[in-house]
Amino acid sequence: MEVSSKTLSEIDETKTKENLMTLEAVFFVSGRFLSMPDLISLTDLNPIIIRELIEKLQEKYSKNESAIEIVEKNGLWKMDVRPEYACLINKLATGSAEFSKAEQETLAIIAYKQPLKKSDLVKYRGSQCYEHVKVLVEAGLLDAEPCGKTKILKTTSKFSEIYGLESSTPTEIRKFMESILK
């Protein structure tokens, strides 16, 4: 039996689709940023093919106007929910019970004004914020560093990762908070 060029292109196309689905499954299941060595190890593909497949996945999610995207950060890649939808998924993303509206408001104030003294937060939110801060620290979204008789509150890298931010800098977080408060 002779193999025609049409048959070869069909074989290539089928293999590319399989590789694309494999990479997509790896991103979906991992839920974290993966390095090129991670991707090579998990897919048994070479880095050139992986880079091409990442571009195809990014294009696929962009074309389909999907809530999902492939994010690249410092040479690492991750499947994530687009930032405009991240606020809707905090219950699943943190693995904890959904935050109350009051807890979300407390988190928003801290994110916007960070670094923020806990004593100043009490002035804005009242004494109920002590419990909010406890819940948010336990969820890994806030750091509370001792500073004299109070604590300095700021968001963590987990906060930035969950909400799809490039960094944990106060400037970037303020921009994000302003965009969702519009």
Foldseek 3Di string as FASTA:
>chain_A
DDQDVVNVVVVVVVVLVVLLVQLVVCQVVPQDWAALVRSCVSRVDDSVSVVVSLVVQQVVCVVVVHQWHWDDAPRTIHIAGALLCLVVCPCVLLVHHDDDPLLVVLLLVVLQDPQDWVVVSCVVRNPVVVVSVVVCVVSQQWDWDDDPPITGIAGDVSVCSSSVHNDRDSVRSNVSSVVNVD
